[in-house]
Amino acid sequence: MYIVAKRFLKDANDAEDVVQEAFIKAFSKLHQYKAEVTFGAWLKRIVVNKSIDFLKSKNNS
């Protein structure tokens, strides 16, 4: 998941922060996981969304 975030963010520290936030969100939303997709795909989507959110907030500031 770190590699996914790093591809988006191009910065190791930002990628680590985003992955940590994504894991926290995934853990808190675990009850919403549906086995229609693999767990890895579900988690990857959270990482991608968090990466996009991070880039948007960075561009707005």
PDB file of N, CA and C in Angstrom:
ATOM      1  N   MET A   1       0.818  -1.194   0.000  1.00  0.00           N
ATOM      2  CA  MET A   1       0.000   0.000   0.000  1.00  0.00           C
ATOM      3  C   MET A   1       0.865   1.264   0.000  1.00  0.00           C
ATOM      4  N   TYR A   2       2.026   1.140   0.624  1.00  0.00           N
ATOM      5  CA  TYR A   2       2.956   2.270   0.648  1.00  0.00           C
ATOM      6  C   TYR A   2       3.361   2.659  -0.773  1.00  0.00           C
ATOM      7  N   ILE A   3       3.622   1.672  -1.608  1.00  0.00           N
ATOM      8  CA  ILE A   3       4.052   1.942  -2.988  1.00  0.00           C
ATOM      9  C   ILE A   3       2.953   2.676  -3.756  1.00  0.00           C
ATOM     10  N   VAL A   4       1.715   2.294  -3.523  1.00  0.00           N
ATOM     11  CA  VAL A   4       0.588   2.957  -4.186  1.00  0.00           C
ATOM     12  C   VAL A   4       0.564   4.438  -3.798  1.00  0.00           C
ATOM     13  N   ALA A   5       0.669   4.707  -2.515  1.00  0.00           N
ATOM     14  CA  ALA A   5       0.649   6.096  -2.050  1.00  0.00           C
ATOM     15  C   ALA A   5       1.865   6.862  -2.569  1.00  0.00           C
ATOM     16  N   LYS A   6       3.016   6.221  -2.580  1.00  0.00           N
ATOM     17  CA  LYS A   6       4.246   6.897  -3.036  1.00  0.00           C
ATOM     18  C   LYS A   6       4.153   7.266  -4.511  1.00  0.00           C
ATOM     19  N   ARG A   7       3.508   6.424  -5.313  1.00  0.00           N
ATOM     20  CA  ARG A   7       3.334   6.750  -6.735  1.00  0.00           C
ATOM     21  C   ARG A   7       2.509   8.017  -6.909  1.00  0.00           C
ATOM     22  N   PHE A   8       1.509   8.178  -6.076  1.00  0.00           N
ATOM     23  CA  PHE A   8       0.668   9.369  -6.154  1.00  0.00           C
ATOM     24  C   PHE A   8       1.389  10.599  -5.619  1.00  0.00           C
ATOM     25  N   LEU A   9       2.041  10.448  -4.488  1.00  0.00           N
ATOM     26  CA  LEU A   9       2.524  11.603  -3.737  1.00  0.00           C
ATOM     27  C   LEU A   9       3.971  11.986  -4.015  1.00  0.00           C
ATOM     28  N   LYS A  10       4.760  11.050  -4.520  1.00  0.00           N
ATOM     29  CA  LYS A  10       6.166  11.317  -4.863  1.00  0.00           C
ATOM     30  C   LYS A  10       7.019  11.735  -3.662  1.00  0.00           C
ATOM     31  N   ASP A  11       6.553  11.459  -2.457  1.00  0.00           N
ATOM     32  CA  ASP A  11       7.307  11.816  -1.259  1.00  0.00           C
ATOM     33  C   ASP A  11       7.123  10.712  -0.220  1.00  0.00           C
ATOM     34  N   ALA A  12       8.229  10.205   0.302  1.00  0.00           N
ATOM     35  CA  ALA A  12       8.184   9.068   1.222  1.00  0.00           C
ATOM     36  C   ALA A  12       7.447   9.404   2.516  1.00  0.00           C
ATOM     37  N   ASN A  13       7.719  10.555   3.084  1.00  0.00           N
ATOM     38  CA  ASN A  13       7.076  10.924   4.350  1.00  0.00           C
ATOM     39  C   ASN A  13       5.574  11.119   4.187  1.00  0.00           C
ATOM     40  N   ASP A  14       5.178  11.792   3.116  1.00  0.00           N
ATOM     41  CA  ASP A  14       3.749  11.976   2.859  1.00  0.00           C
ATOM     42  C   ASP A  14       3.071  10.630   2.627  1.00  0.00           C
ATOM     43  N   ALA A  15       3.726   9.741   1.903  1.00  0.00           N
ATOM     44  CA  ALA A  15       3.160   8.419   1.632  1.00  0.00           C
ATOM     45  C   ALA A  15       2.968   7.639   2.925  1.00  0.00           C
ATOM     46  N   GLU A  16       3.942   7.707   3.827  1.00  0.00           N
ATOM     47  CA  GLU A  16       3.811   7.020   5.116  1.00  0.00           C
ATOM     48  C   GLU A  16       2.629   7.565   5.902  1.00  0.00           C
ATOM     49  N   ASP A  17       2.473   8.879   5.915  1.00  0.00           N
ATOM     50  CA  ASP A  17       1.356   9.495   6.635  1.00  0.00           C
ATOM     51  C   ASP A  17       0.016   9.070   6.052  1.00  0.00           C
ATOM     52  N   VAL A  18      -0.076   9.083   4.730  1.00  0.00           N
ATOM     53  CA  VAL A  18      -1.333   8.723   4.069  1.00  0.00           C
ATOM     54  C   VAL A  18      -1.675   7.253   4.311  1.00  0.00           C
ATOM     55  N   VAL A  19      -0.683   6.383   4.242  1.00  0.00           N
ATOM     56  CA  VAL A  19      -0.938   4.954   4.482  1.00  0.00           C
ATOM     57  C   VAL A  19      -1.407   4.746   5.918  1.00  0.00           C
ATOM     58  N   GLN A  20      -0.793   5.438   6.858  1.00  0.00           N
ATOM     59  CA  GLN A  20      -1.220   5.316   8.248  1.00  0.00           C
ATOM     60  C   GLN A  20      -2.671   5.776   8.402  1.00  0.00           C
ATOM     61  N   GLU A  21      -3.013   6.903   7.813  1.00  0.00           N
ATOM     62  CA  GLU A  21      -4.391   7.395   7.869  1.00  0.00           C
ATOM     63  C   GLU A  21      -5.354   6.411   7.208  1.00  0.00           C
ATOM     64  N   ALA A  22      -4.932   5.816   6.104  1.00  0.00           N
ATOM     65  CA  ALA A  22      -5.780   4.855   5.392  1.00  0.00           C
ATOM     66  C   ALA A  22      -6.030   3.611   6.241  1.00  0.00           C
ATOM     67  N   PHE A  23      -5.001   3.116   6.916  1.00  0.00           N
ATOM     68  CA  PHE A  23      -5.177   1.940   7.768  1.00  0.00           C
ATOM     69  C   PHE A  23      -6.095   2.246   8.945  1.00  0.00           C
ATOM     70  N   ILE A  24      -5.970   3.429   9.504  1.00  0.00           N
ATOM     71  CA  ILE A  24      -6.860   3.818  10.599  1.00  0.00           C
ATOM     72  C   ILE A  24      -8.299   3.882  10.104  1.00  0.00           C
ATOM     73  N   LYS A  25      -8.503   4.472   8.936  1.00  0.00           N
ATOM     74  CA  LYS A  25      -9.856   4.554   8.378  1.00  0.00           C
ATOM     75  C   LYS A  25     -10.397   3.163   8.063  1.00  0.00           C
ATOM     76  N   ALA A  26      -9.558   2.307   7.472  1.00  0.00           N
ATOM     77  CA  ALA A  26      -9.994   0.946   7.142  1.00  0.00           C
ATOM     78  C   ALA A  26     -10.392   0.192   8.405  1.00  0.00           C
ATOM     79  N   PHE A  27      -9.603   0.323   9.450  1.00  0.00           N
ATOM     80  CA  PHE A  27      -9.919  -0.366  10.699  1.00  0.00           C
ATOM     81  C   PHE A  27     -11.235   0.130  11.278  1.00  0.00           C
ATOM     82  N   SER A  28     -11.456   1.436  11.239  1.00  0.00           N
ATOM     83  CA  SER A  28     -12.688   1.986  11.800  1.00  0.00           C
ATOM     84  C   SER A  28     -13.913   1.669  10.943  1.00  0.00           C
ATOM     85  N   LYS A  29     -13.705   1.392   9.660  1.00  0.00           N
ATOM     86  CA  LYS A  29     -14.815   1.081   8.750  1.00  0.00           C
ATOM     87  C   LYS A  29     -14.867  -0.404   8.376  1.00  0.00           C
ATOM     88  N   LEU A  30     -14.157  -1.235   9.119  1.00  0.00           N
ATOM     89  CA  LEU A  30     -14.068  -2.655   8.789  1.00  0.00           C
ATOM     90  C   LEU A  30     -15.443  -3.318   8.705  1.00  0.00           C
ATOM     91  N   HIS A  31     -16.378  -2.866   9.509  1.00  0.00           N
ATOM     92  CA  HIS A  31     -17.725  -3.439   9.485  1.00  0.00           C
ATOM     93  C   HIS A  31     -18.443  -3.174   8.154  1.00  0.00           C
ATOM     94  N   GLN A  32     -17.970  -2.210   7.374  1.00  0.00           N
ATOM     95  CA  GLN A  32     -18.592  -1.898   6.088  1.00  0.00           C
ATOM     96  C   GLN A  32     -18.002  -2.695   4.931  1.00  0.00           C
ATOM     97  N   TYR A  33     -16.914  -3.435   5.213  1.00  0.00           N
ATOM     98  CA  TYR A  33     -16.280  -4.226   4.148  1.00  0.00           C
ATOM     99  C   TYR A  33     -17.226  -5.326   3.699  1.00  0.00           C
ATOM    100  N   LYS A  34     -17.393  -5.427   2.385  1.00  0.00           N
ATOM    101  CA  LYS A  34     -18.212  -6.492   1.797  1.00  0.00           C
ATOM    102  C   LYS A  34     -17.303  -7.350   0.935  1.00  0.00           C
ATOM    103  N   ALA A  35     -17.469  -8.642   1.029  1.00  0.00           N
ATOM    104  CA  ALA A  35     -16.576  -9.585   0.351  1.00  0.00           C
ATOM    105  C   ALA A  35     -16.802  -9.645  -1.158  1.00  0.00           C
ATOM    106  N   GLU A  36     -17.484  -8.659  -1.729  1.00  0.00           N
ATOM    107  CA  GLU A  36     -17.678  -8.616  -3.182  1.00  0.00           C
ATOM    108  C   GLU A  36     -16.350  -8.376  -3.895  1.00  0.00           C
ATOM    109  N   VAL A  37     -15.433  -7.690  -3.229  1.00  0.00           N
ATOM    110  CA  VAL A  37     -14.076  -7.469  -3.745  1.00  0.00           C
ATOM    111  C   VAL A  37     -13.099  -8.000  -2.704  1.00  0.00           C
ATOM    112  N   THR A  38     -11.864  -8.223  -3.131  1.00  0.00           N
ATOM    113  CA  THR A  38     -10.876  -8.707  -2.172  1.00  0.00           C
ATOM    114  C   THR A  38     -10.569  -7.612  -1.153  1.00  0.00           C
ATOM    115  N   PHE A  39     -10.102  -8.049  -0.005  1.00  0.00           N
ATOM    116  CA  PHE A  39      -9.759  -7.090   1.039  1.00  0.00           C
ATOM    117  C   PHE A  39      -8.657  -6.148   0.560  1.00  0.00           C
ATOM    118  N   GLY A  40      -7.694  -6.690  -0.164  1.00  0.00           N
ATOM    119  CA  GLY A  40      -6.597  -5.872  -0.684  1.00  0.00           C
ATOM    120  C   GLY A  40      -7.078  -4.785  -1.623  1.00  0.00           C
ATOM    121  N   ALA A  41      -8.032  -5.121  -2.476  1.00  0.00           N
ATOM    122  CA  ALA A  41      -8.579  -4.132  -3.410  1.00  0.00           C
ATOM    123  C   ALA A  41      -9.338  -3.043  -2.654  1.00  0.00           C
ATOM    124  N   TRP A  42     -10.066  -3.447  -1.631  1.00  0.00           N
ATOM    125  CA  TRP A  42     -10.813  -2.494  -0.808  1.00  0.00           C
ATOM    126  C   TRP A  42      -9.851  -1.536  -0.108  1.00  0.00           C
ATOM    127  N   LEU A  43      -8.801  -2.094   0.478  1.00  0.00           N
ATOM    128  CA  LEU A  43      -7.816  -1.282   1.180  1.00  0.00           C
ATOM    129  C   LEU A  43      -7.058  -0.372   0.213  1.00  0.00           C
ATOM    130  N   LYS A  44      -6.748  -0.885  -0.960  1.00  0.00           N
ATOM    131  CA  LYS A  44      -6.046  -0.076  -1.966  1.00  0.00           C
ATOM    132  C   LYS A  44      -6.892   1.123  -2.373  1.00  0.00           C
ATOM    133  N   ARG A  45      -8.188   0.926  -2.525  1.00  0.00           N
ATOM    134  CA  ARG A  45      -9.081   2.028  -2.893  1.00  0.00           C
ATOM    135  C   ARG A  45      -9.069   3.104  -1.812  1.00  0.00           C
ATOM    136  N   ILE A  46      -9.013   2.694  -0.551  1.00  0.00           N
ATOM    137  CA  ILE A  46      -8.947   3.667   0.543  1.00  0.00           C
ATOM    138  C   ILE A  46      -7.642   4.451   0.462  1.00  0.00           C
ATOM    139  N   VAL A  47      -6.538   3.759   0.189  1.00  0.00           N
ATOM    140  CA  VAL A  47      -5.235   4.425   0.061  1.00  0.00           C
ATOM    141  C   VAL A  47      -5.254   5.411  -1.105  1.00  0.00           C
ATOM    142  N   VAL A  48      -5.810   5.005  -2.224  1.00  0.00           N
ATOM    143  CA  VAL A  48      -5.897   5.893  -3.392  1.00  0.00           C
ATOM    144  C   VAL A  48      -6.730   7.129  -3.055  1.00  0.00           C
ATOM    145  N   ASN A  49      -7.880   6.915  -2.440  1.00  0.00           N
ATOM    146  CA  ASN A  49      -8.741   8.050  -2.094  1.00  0.00           C
ATOM    147  C   ASN A  49      -8.066   8.991  -1.106  1.00  0.00           C
ATOM    148  N   LYS A  50      -7.387   8.429  -0.109  1.00  0.00           N
ATOM    149  CA  LYS A  50      -6.669   9.261   0.860  1.00  0.00           C
ATOM    150  C   LYS A  50      -5.534  10.034   0.185  1.00  0.00           C
ATOM    151  N   SER A  51      -4.869   9.405  -0.774  1.00  0.00           N
ATOM    152  CA  SER A  51      -3.796  10.079  -1.511  1.00  0.00           C
ATOM    153  C   SER A  51      -4.345  11.253  -2.310  1.00  0.00           C
ATOM    154  N   ILE A  52      -5.457  11.032  -2.972  1.00  0.00           N
ATOM    155  CA  ILE A  52      -6.093  12.101  -3.748  1.00  0.00           C
ATOM    156  C   ILE A  52      -6.533  13.236  -2.829  1.00  0.00           C
ATOM    157  N   ASP A  53      -7.139  12.889  -1.694  1.00  0.00           N
ATOM    158  CA  ASP A  53      -7.550  13.912  -0.728  1.00  0.00           C
ATOM    159  C   ASP A  53      -6.350  14.720  -0.236  1.00  0.00           C
ATOM    160  N   PHE A  54      -5.243  14.025   0.014  1.00  0.00           N
ATOM    161  CA  PHE A  54      -4.032  14.703   0.473  1.00  0.00           C
ATOM    162  C   PHE A  54      -3.538  15.697  -0.575  1.00  0.00           C
ATOM    163  N   LEU A  55      -3.511  15.266  -1.832  1.00  0.00           N
ATOM    164  CA  LEU A  55      -3.050  16.154  -2.905  1.00  0.00           C
ATOM    165  C   LEU A  55      -3.965  17.362  -3.061  1.00  0.00           C
ATOM    166  N   LYS A  56      -5.267  17.140  -2.949  1.00  0.00           N
ATOM    167  CA  LYS A  56      -6.212  18.255  -3.046  1.00  0.00           C
ATOM    168  C   LYS A  56      -5.988  19.259  -1.925  1.00  0.00           C
ATOM    169  N   SER A  57      -5.811  18.754  -0.704  1.00  0.00           N
ATOM    170  CA  SER A  57      -5.617  19.666   0.427  1.00  0.00           C
ATOM    171  C   SER A  57      -4.277  20.390   0.328  1.00  0.00           C
ATOM    172  N   LYS A  58      -3.273  19.721  -0.207  1.00  0.00           N
ATOM    173  CA  LYS A  58      -1.958  20.349  -0.376  1.00  0.00           C
ATOM    174  C   LYS A  58      -2.020  21.455  -1.430  1.00  0.00           C
ATOM    175  N   ASN A  59      -2.790  21.229  -2.491  1.00  0.00           N
ATOM    176  CA  ASN A  59      -2.929  22.232  -3.553  1.00  0.00           C
ATOM    177  C   ASN A  59      -3.772  23.423  -3.113  1.00  0.00           C
ATOM    178  N   ASN A  60      -4.703  23.192  -2.192  1.00  0.00           N
ATOM    179  CA  ASN A  60      -5.558  24.278  -1.715  1.00  0.00           C
ATOM    180  C   ASN A  60      -4.862  25.176  -0.705  1.00  0.00           C
ATOM    181  N   SER A  61      -3.778  24.696  -0.115  1.00  0.00           N
ATOM    182  CA  SER A  61      -3.106  25.524   0.905  1.00  0.00           C
ATOM    183  C   SER A  61      -1.924  26.283   0.377  1.00  0.00           C
TER     184      SER A  61
END
